[in-house]
Amino acid sequence: MGKQPVRMRAVVYALSPFQQKIMSGLWKDLPGKITHKVSENWISVTLLLTPLVGTYTYVQNYQEKEKLEHRY
């Protein structure tokens, strides 16, 4: 009444050359995934975007002042 050895079969995975949908799940519902990530992490997104937008606005304002200063 000992244990009987069982032969294991190997599983072979193959891709059909006619249907290769490897990365289809990556692009499926992409806007929904992005919206979900942003709604989950809205504090981090805010803390990331606020300095970037502020710096960009400051630089644009500074360049406009410089341009108007050298006008005459």
N, C-alpha and C. Protein backbone atom coordinates (compact mmCIF):
# COMPACT_ATOMS: atom_id res chain seq x y z
N MET A 1 0.81 -1.18 0.00
CA MET A 1 0.00 0.00 0.00
C MET A 1 0.86 1.25 0.00
N GLY A 2 1.94 1.21 -0.66
CA GLY A 2 2.79 2.39 -0.78
C GLY A 2 2.31 3.30 -1.90
N LYS A 3 3.00 4.40 -2.04
CA LYS A 3 2.61 5.36 -3.07
C LYS A 3 3.09 4.88 -4.43
N GLN A 4 2.25 5.01 -5.41
CA GLN A 4 2.59 4.61 -6.77
C GLN A 4 3.14 5.83 -7.52
N PRO A 5 4.25 5.71 -8.21
CA PRO A 5 4.77 6.85 -8.97
C PRO A 5 3.83 7.17 -10.16
N VAL A 6 3.59 8.45 -10.36
CA VAL A 6 2.71 8.90 -11.44
C VAL A 6 3.55 9.68 -12.44
N ARG A 7 3.41 9.34 -13.70
CA ARG A 7 4.17 10.06 -14.72
C ARG A 7 3.48 11.40 -15.01
N MET A 8 4.27 12.46 -14.96
CA MET A 8 3.75 13.79 -15.24
C MET A 8 4.00 14.11 -16.71
N ARG A 9 3.02 14.73 -17.33
CA ARG A 9 3.19 15.13 -18.72
C ARG A 9 3.58 16.60 -18.77
N ALA A 10 4.37 16.92 -19.74
CA ALA A 10 4.78 18.31 -19.91
C ALA A 10 3.70 19.06 -20.67
N VAL A 11 3.47 20.30 -20.26
CA VAL A 11 2.50 21.16 -20.95
C VAL A 11 3.27 22.03 -21.91
N VAL A 12 2.87 22.00 -23.16
CA VAL A 12 3.55 22.78 -24.19
C VAL A 12 2.63 23.92 -24.60
N TYR A 13 3.13 25.13 -24.47
CA TYR A 13 2.38 26.30 -24.89
C TYR A 13 2.92 26.78 -26.23
N ALA A 14 2.02 27.10 -27.14
CA ALA A 14 2.43 27.57 -28.46
C ALA A 14 1.47 28.66 -28.91
N LEU A 15 1.97 29.56 -29.72
CA LEU A 15 1.14 30.62 -30.29
C LEU A 15 0.84 30.29 -31.73
N SER A 16 -0.39 30.51 -32.10
CA SER A 16 -0.76 30.31 -33.49
C SER A 16 -0.18 31.46 -34.31
N PRO A 17 0.39 31.17 -35.48
CA PRO A 17 0.92 32.27 -36.30
C PRO A 17 -0.19 33.14 -36.89
N PHE A 18 -1.42 32.69 -36.82
CA PHE A 18 -2.53 33.44 -37.41
C PHE A 18 -3.24 34.31 -36.39
N GLN A 19 -3.20 33.95 -35.12
CA GLN A 19 -3.85 34.74 -34.08
C GLN A 19 -2.89 34.95 -32.93
N GLN A 20 -2.23 36.08 -32.94
CA GLN A 20 -1.34 36.41 -31.84
C GLN A 20 -1.88 37.64 -31.14
N LYS A 21 -2.59 37.42 -30.08
CA LYS A 21 -3.18 38.51 -29.31
C LYS A 21 -2.50 38.54 -27.94
N ILE A 22 -1.21 38.75 -27.96
CA ILE A 22 -0.45 38.72 -26.72
C ILE A 22 -0.73 39.96 -25.89
N MET A 23 -0.68 41.13 -26.52
CA MET A 23 -0.78 42.39 -25.79
C MET A 23 -2.14 43.06 -25.97
N SER A 24 -3.15 42.33 -26.36
CA SER A 24 -4.45 42.96 -26.57
C SER A 24 -5.05 43.45 -25.26
N GLY A 25 -4.76 42.79 -24.16
CA GLY A 25 -5.28 43.21 -22.87
C GLY A 25 -4.67 44.51 -22.37
N LEU A 26 -3.49 44.85 -22.90
CA LEU A 26 -2.83 46.09 -22.48
C LEU A 26 -3.57 47.30 -23.02
N TRP A 27 -4.06 47.22 -24.25
CA TRP A 27 -4.71 48.38 -24.88
C TRP A 27 -6.22 48.39 -24.66
N LYS A 28 -6.76 47.30 -24.16
CA LYS A 28 -8.20 47.19 -23.97
C LYS A 28 -8.62 48.08 -22.81
N ASP A 29 -9.57 48.95 -23.04
CA ASP A 29 -10.12 49.86 -22.02
C ASP A 29 -9.03 50.72 -21.39
N LEU A 30 -8.14 51.27 -22.22
CA LEU A 30 -7.04 52.09 -21.72
C LEU A 30 -7.53 53.36 -21.02
N PRO A 31 -8.48 54.13 -21.58
CA PRO A 31 -8.96 55.32 -20.85
C PRO A 31 -9.58 54.97 -19.50
N GLY A 32 -10.28 53.87 -19.43
CA GLY A 32 -10.87 53.44 -18.16
C GLY A 32 -9.81 53.10 -17.13
N LYS A 33 -8.74 52.44 -17.58
CA LYS A 33 -7.66 52.10 -16.66
C LYS A 33 -6.96 53.35 -16.16
N ILE A 34 -6.72 54.32 -17.06
CA ILE A 34 -6.06 55.56 -16.65
C ILE A 34 -6.94 56.32 -15.67
N THR A 35 -8.24 56.39 -15.95
CA THR A 35 -9.17 57.08 -15.05
C THR A 35 -9.18 56.41 -13.67
N HIS A 36 -9.15 55.10 -13.66
CA HIS A 36 -9.14 54.35 -12.39
C HIS A 36 -7.88 54.65 -11.60
N LYS A 37 -6.72 54.65 -12.28
CA LYS A 37 -5.46 54.92 -11.59
C LYS A 37 -5.43 56.34 -11.03
N VAL A 38 -5.93 57.31 -11.81
CA VAL A 38 -5.93 58.70 -11.35
C VAL A 38 -6.89 58.88 -10.18
N SER A 39 -8.06 58.25 -10.25
CA SER A 39 -9.02 58.40 -9.16
C SER A 39 -8.51 57.72 -7.89
N GLU A 40 -7.72 56.67 -8.02
CA GLU A 40 -7.13 56.02 -6.85
C GLU A 40 -6.03 56.88 -6.24
N ASN A 41 -5.25 57.55 -7.09
CA ASN A 41 -4.05 58.26 -6.64
C ASN A 41 -4.15 59.75 -6.93
N TRP A 42 -5.30 60.37 -6.68
CA TRP A 42 -5.48 61.76 -7.07
C TRP A 42 -4.61 62.70 -6.25
N ILE A 43 -4.26 62.35 -5.02
CA ILE A 43 -3.39 63.21 -4.22
C ILE A 43 -1.99 63.23 -4.81
N SER A 44 -1.49 62.07 -5.18
CA SER A 44 -0.16 62.00 -5.78
C SER A 44 -0.13 62.73 -7.13
N VAL A 45 -1.20 62.58 -7.90
CA VAL A 45 -1.26 63.26 -9.20
C VAL A 45 -1.26 64.77 -9.00
N THR A 46 -2.02 65.24 -8.01
CA THR A 46 -2.07 66.67 -7.73
C THR A 46 -0.71 67.19 -7.28
N LEU A 47 -0.06 66.44 -6.40
CA LEU A 47 1.26 66.87 -5.93
C LEU A 47 2.31 66.83 -7.03
N LEU A 48 2.12 66.00 -8.03
CA LEU A 48 3.04 65.96 -9.16
C LEU A 48 2.78 67.08 -10.14
N LEU A 49 1.52 67.29 -10.48
CA LEU A 49 1.19 68.25 -11.54
C LEU A 49 1.24 69.70 -11.09
N THR A 50 0.94 70.00 -9.83
CA THR A 50 0.91 71.38 -9.37
C THR A 50 2.26 72.07 -9.54
N PRO A 51 3.38 71.51 -9.10
CA PRO A 51 4.66 72.19 -9.33
C PRO A 51 5.01 72.31 -10.82
N LEU A 52 4.65 71.30 -11.61
CA LEU A 52 4.97 71.36 -13.03
C LEU A 52 4.19 72.48 -13.72
N VAL A 53 2.90 72.57 -13.44
CA VAL A 53 2.07 73.61 -14.05
C VAL A 53 2.50 74.98 -13.54
N GLY A 54 2.79 75.09 -12.25
CA GLY A 54 3.24 76.36 -11.68
C GLY A 54 4.55 76.83 -12.29
N THR A 55 5.50 75.93 -12.46
CA THR A 55 6.79 76.28 -13.06
C THR A 55 6.61 76.70 -14.51
N TYR A 56 5.79 75.97 -15.25
CA TYR A 56 5.55 76.31 -16.66
C TYR A 56 4.90 77.69 -16.78
N THR A 57 3.92 77.97 -15.92
CA THR A 57 3.24 79.27 -15.96
C THR A 57 4.21 80.38 -15.60
N TYR A 58 5.06 80.16 -14.61
CA TYR A 58 6.04 81.17 -14.21
C TYR A 58 7.02 81.46 -15.36
N VAL A 59 7.50 80.42 -16.00
CA VAL A 59 8.46 80.60 -17.10
C VAL A 59 7.81 81.35 -18.26
N GLN A 60 6.58 81.01 -18.60
CA GLN A 60 5.90 81.71 -19.68
C GLN A 60 5.70 83.18 -19.34
N ASN A 61 5.32 83.48 -18.12
CA ASN A 61 5.14 84.85 -17.68
C ASN A 61 6.46 85.61 -17.71
N TYR A 62 7.53 84.98 -17.23
CA TYR A 62 8.85 85.61 -17.21
C TYR A 62 9.34 85.91 -18.62
N GLN A 63 9.17 84.96 -19.53
CA GLN A 63 9.60 85.18 -20.92
C GLN A 63 8.80 86.30 -21.57
N GLU A 64 7.53 86.39 -21.26
CA GLU A 64 6.70 87.46 -21.83
C GLU A 64 7.14 88.82 -21.30
N LYS A 65 7.47 88.90 -20.00
CA LYS A 65 7.97 90.14 -19.43
C LYS A 65 9.29 90.54 -20.06
N GLU A 66 10.18 89.58 -20.25
CA GLU A 66 11.48 89.86 -20.89
C GLU A 66 11.29 90.37 -22.31
N LYS A 67 10.37 89.76 -23.02
CA LYS A 67 10.11 90.16 -24.40
C LYS A 67 9.57 91.59 -24.44
N LEU A 68 8.67 91.92 -23.54
CA LEU A 68 8.10 93.27 -23.52
C LEU A 68 9.11 94.29 -23.01
N GLU A 69 10.03 93.88 -22.16
CA GLU A 69 11.05 94.79 -21.62
C GLU A 69 12.03 95.23 -22.70
N HIS A 70 12.37 94.34 -23.61
CA HIS A 70 13.33 94.64 -24.67
C HIS A 70 12.66 95.14 -25.93
N ARG A 71 11.44 95.57 -25.79
CA ARG A 71 10.68 96.00 -26.96
C ARG A 71 11.20 97.30 -27.55
N TYR A 72 11.60 98.26 -26.69
CA TYR A 72 12.06 99.56 -27.19
C TYR A 72 13.54 99.72 -27.00
